[in-house]
Amino acid sequence: MTALTLADFLRARIANDERAARALAEHDRRPVLSLAITVNHPDRLLVECEAKRRIVDLHAPFHVRTANDGLNWDYRGCGECSQPDGVADGETWWPCTTLRLLALPFADHPDYRDEWRP
C-alpha cells in the first residue's frame, strides 16, 4: 500500500470542506458557523476550496536529472518553489513549505503526520 502523500491528504480535506459547503448551499443560504469561523455564504467556501486545490496542484513534486556540459544536476522537490538553503543537490525536499502550511489547520486529523509540520 502506498503511503498517503501530503498532497493526497490535502485534496481529501479540501473535498470534505467542499462537500460541506455544497450541502449548506443546497439547504440553507443563511450565515452559518463552520469550522469555528463565520461563513457568510457557502459559495465563498467553494471558491476557497478551488483555490486551495489549485495551490496543491501547482506545488506538485518534480524530479529532473541532467548532465549538461559536464554539470550534473539532480533536482527533486517542489516544481514551483526554489530550492531552500541548506538542501544539497540530489536531496529531496518535498513537500514544500507551502503545502505544509496549508495542512497545518488539519494537524489534529488522524491521518496528519508530524513529519509534515512546517
C-alpha atoms as a PDB file:
ATOM      1  CA  MET A   1       0.000   0.000   0.000  1.00  0.00           C
ATOM      2  CA  THR A   2       1.358   3.403  -0.980  1.00  0.00           C
ATOM      3  CA  ALA A   3       1.774   5.896   1.849  1.00  0.00           C
ATOM      4  CA  LEU A   4      -0.555   8.854   1.842  1.00  0.00           C
ATOM      5  CA  THR A   5       1.221  11.922   0.474  1.00  0.00           C
ATOM      6  CA  LEU A   6       0.646  15.391   1.846  1.00  0.00           C
ATOM      7  CA  ALA A   7      -0.954  16.393  -1.462  1.00  0.00           C
ATOM      8  CA  ASP A   8      -3.406  13.479  -1.223  1.00  0.00           C
ATOM      9  CA  PHE A   9      -4.141  14.370   2.397  1.00  0.00           C
ATOM     10  CA  LEU A  10      -4.860  17.994   1.440  1.00  0.00           C
ATOM     11  CA  ARG A  11      -7.062  17.017  -1.505  1.00  0.00           C
ATOM     12  CA  ALA A  12      -9.158  14.831   0.830  1.00  0.00           C
ATOM     13  CA  ARG A  13      -9.566  17.644   3.379  1.00  0.00           C
ATOM     14  CA  ILE A  14     -10.472  20.118   0.614  1.00  0.00           C
ATOM     15  CA  ALA A  15     -13.033  17.664  -0.765  1.00  0.00           C
ATOM     16  CA  ASN A  16     -14.604  17.349   2.710  1.00  0.00           C
ATOM     17  CA  ASP A  17     -14.874  21.138   3.023  1.00  0.00           C
ATOM     18  CA  GLU A  18     -16.315  21.339  -0.476  1.00  0.00           C
ATOM     19  CA  ARG A  19     -18.984  18.714   0.299  1.00  0.00           C
ATOM     20  CA  ALA A  20     -19.944  20.627   3.450  1.00  0.00           C
ATOM     21  CA  ALA A  21     -20.206  23.900   1.513  1.00  0.00           C
ATOM     22  CA  ARG A  22     -22.352  22.288  -1.203  1.00  0.00           C
ATOM     23  CA  ALA A  23     -24.644  20.793   1.438  1.00  0.00           C
ATOM     24  CA  LEU A  24     -25.014  24.221   3.056  1.00  0.00           C
ATOM     25  CA  ALA A  25     -25.682  25.830  -0.303  1.00  0.00           C
ATOM     26  CA  GLU A  26     -28.418  23.325  -1.096  1.00  0.00           C
ATOM     27  CA  HIS A  27     -30.198  23.566   2.254  1.00  0.00           C
ATOM     28  CA  ASP A  28     -29.691  26.965   3.791  1.00  0.00           C
ATOM     29  CA  ARG A  29     -28.350  30.271   2.468  1.00  0.00           C
ATOM     30  CA  ARG A  30     -28.185  31.986   5.886  1.00  0.00           C
ATOM     31  CA  PRO A  31     -24.843  32.673   7.576  1.00  0.00           C
ATOM     32  CA  VAL A  32     -23.567  29.615   9.420  1.00  0.00           C
ATOM     33  CA  LEU A  33     -20.830  28.783  11.885  1.00  0.00           C
ATOM     34  CA  SER A  34     -18.462  26.299  10.269  1.00  0.00           C
ATOM     35  CA  LEU A  35     -15.033  25.171  11.494  1.00  0.00           C
ATOM     36  CA  ALA A  36     -15.112  27.913  14.142  1.00  0.00           C
ATOM     37  CA  ILE A  37     -15.307  30.706  11.537  1.00  0.00           C
ATOM     38  CA  THR A  38     -18.346  32.544  10.251  1.00  0.00           C
ATOM     39  CA  VAL A  39     -19.010  31.787   6.615  1.00  0.00           C
ATOM     40  CA  ASN A  40     -21.404  34.338   5.184  1.00  0.00           C
ATOM     41  CA  HIS A  41     -22.067  32.353   2.061  1.00  0.00           C
ATOM     42  CA  PRO A  42     -21.254  28.760   1.073  1.00  0.00           C
ATOM     43  CA  ASP A  43     -20.121  29.975  -2.362  1.00  0.00           C
ATOM     44  CA  ARG A  44     -17.132  31.697  -0.733  1.00  0.00           C
ATOM     45  CA  LEU A  45     -16.063  28.405   0.811  1.00  0.00           C
ATOM     46  CA  LEU A  46     -16.401  26.676  -2.574  1.00  0.00           C
ATOM     47  CA  VAL A  47     -14.138  29.295  -4.176  1.00  0.00           C
ATOM     48  CA  GLU A  48     -11.670  28.833  -1.310  1.00  0.00           C
ATOM     49  CA  CYS A  49     -11.669  25.058  -1.869  1.00  0.00           C
ATOM     50  CA  GLU A  50     -10.937  25.545  -5.574  1.00  0.00           C
ATOM     51  CA  ALA A  51      -8.092  27.986  -4.792  1.00  0.00           C
ATOM     52  CA  LYS A  52      -6.531  25.530  -2.325  1.00  0.00           C
ATOM     53  CA  ARG A  53      -6.862  22.664  -4.818  1.00  0.00           C
ATOM     54  CA  ARG A  54      -5.035  24.755  -7.441  1.00  0.00           C
ATOM     55  CA  ILE A  55      -2.262  25.589  -4.952  1.00  0.00           C
ATOM     56  CA  VAL A  56      -1.811  21.872  -4.193  1.00  0.00           C
ATOM     57  CA  ASP A  57      -1.647  21.086  -7.924  1.00  0.00           C
ATOM     58  CA  LEU A  58       0.814  23.936  -8.531  1.00  0.00           C
ATOM     59  CA  HIS A  59       3.196  22.647  -5.844  1.00  0.00           C
ATOM     60  CA  ALA A  60       3.492  19.118  -7.237  1.00  0.00           C
ATOM     61  CA  PRO A  61       6.683  17.106  -6.757  1.00  0.00           C
ATOM     62  CA  PHE A  62       9.183  17.408  -9.564  1.00  0.00           C
ATOM     63  CA  HIS A  63      12.314  15.410 -10.383  1.00  0.00           C
ATOM     64  CA  VAL A  64      14.842  16.037 -13.109  1.00  0.00           C
ATOM     65  CA  ARG A  65      18.370  14.756 -13.539  1.00  0.00           C
ATOM     66  CA  THR A  66      20.630  16.301 -16.157  1.00  0.00           C
ATOM     67  CA  ALA A  67      24.194  16.008 -17.360  1.00  0.00           C
ATOM     68  CA  ASN A  68      24.899  19.093 -19.432  1.00  0.00           C
ATOM     69  CA  ASP A  69      28.346  20.452 -20.360  1.00  0.00           C
ATOM     70  CA  GLY A  70      29.929  18.484 -17.546  1.00  0.00           C
ATOM     71  CA  LEU A  71      27.453  19.774 -14.965  1.00  0.00           C
ATOM     72  CA  ASN A  72      25.397  17.118 -13.249  1.00  0.00           C
ATOM     73  CA  TRP A  73      22.222  18.368 -11.668  1.00  0.00           C
ATOM     74  CA  ASP A  74      19.712  16.337  -9.654  1.00  0.00           C
ATOM     75  CA  TYR A  75      16.629  18.269  -8.574  1.00  0.00           C
ATOM     76  CA  ARG A  76      13.875  16.650  -6.504  1.00  0.00           C
ATOM     77  CA  GLY A  77      11.404  18.966  -4.896  1.00  0.00           C
ATOM     78  CA  CYS A  78       8.525  21.295  -5.490  1.00  0.00           C
ATOM     79  CA  GLY A  79       8.050  22.273  -9.110  1.00  0.00           C
ATOM     80  CA  GLU A  80       7.030  25.789  -8.036  1.00  0.00           C
ATOM     81  CA  CYS A  81       9.323  26.680  -5.116  1.00  0.00           C
ATOM     82  CA  SER A  82      13.019  27.406  -5.333  1.00  0.00           C
ATOM     83  CA  GLN A  83      15.428  25.108  -3.509  1.00  0.00           C
ATOM     84  CA  PRO A  84      15.680  26.169   0.133  1.00  0.00           C
ATOM     85  CA  ASP A  85      19.009  26.951   1.792  1.00  0.00           C
ATOM     86  CA  GLY A  86      20.771  24.001   3.341  1.00  0.00           C
ATOM     87  CA  VAL A  87      19.359  21.412   0.904  1.00  0.00           C
ATOM     88  CA  ALA A  88      22.054  19.617  -1.069  1.00  0.00           C
ATOM     89  CA  ASP A  89      21.849  18.831  -4.758  1.00  0.00           C
ATOM     90  CA  GLY A  90      20.115  15.475  -5.153  1.00  0.00           C
ATOM     91  CA  GLU A  91      18.338  15.717  -1.794  1.00  0.00           C
ATOM     92  CA  THR A  92      14.549  15.518  -1.905  1.00  0.00           C
ATOM     93  CA  TRP A  93      12.727  18.469  -0.350  1.00  0.00           C
ATOM     94  CA  TRP A  94       9.076  17.853  -0.949  1.00  0.00           C
ATOM     95  CA  PRO A  95       6.500  18.532   0.337  1.00  0.00           C
ATOM     96  CA  CYS A  96       7.383  22.198   0.265  1.00  0.00           C
ATOM     97  CA  THR A  97       6.644  24.721   2.988  1.00  0.00           C
ATOM     98  CA  THR A  98       3.568  25.993   1.112  1.00  0.00           C
ATOM     99  CA  LEU A  99       1.831  22.600   1.300  1.00  0.00           C
ATOM    100  CA  ARG A 100       2.961  22.079   4.882  1.00  0.00           C
ATOM    101  CA  LEU A 101       1.351  25.388   5.856  1.00  0.00           C
ATOM    102  CA  LEU A 102      -1.881  24.529   4.004  1.00  0.00           C
ATOM    103  CA  ALA A 103      -2.073  21.295   6.004  1.00  0.00           C
ATOM    104  CA  LEU A 104      -1.378  22.853   9.399  1.00  0.00           C
ATOM    105  CA  PRO A 105      -5.062  23.596  10.205  1.00  0.00           C
ATOM    106  CA  PHE A 106      -5.683  19.833   9.899  1.00  0.00           C
ATOM    107  CA  ALA A 107      -2.895  18.821  12.312  1.00  0.00           C
ATOM    108  CA  ASP A 108      -5.465  17.249  14.649  1.00  0.00           C
ATOM    109  CA  HIS A 109      -6.754  14.934  11.879  1.00  0.00           C
ATOM    110  CA  PRO A 110      -5.840  11.256  12.460  1.00  0.00           C
ATOM    111  CA  ASP A 111      -4.175  10.989   9.016  1.00  0.00           C
ATOM    112  CA  TYR A 112      -1.929  14.022   9.573  1.00  0.00           C
ATOM    113  CA  ARG A 113       1.745  13.101  10.039  1.00  0.00           C
ATOM    114  CA  ASP A 114       4.098  15.108  12.246  1.00  0.00           C
ATOM    115  CA  GLU A 115       6.756  14.985   9.514  1.00  0.00           C
ATOM    116  CA  TRP A 116       4.536  17.387   7.517  1.00  0.00           C
ATOM    117  CA  ARG A 117       4.710  20.066  10.223  1.00  0.00           C
ATOM    118  CA  PRO A 118       6.440  23.204   8.885  1.00  0.00           C
END
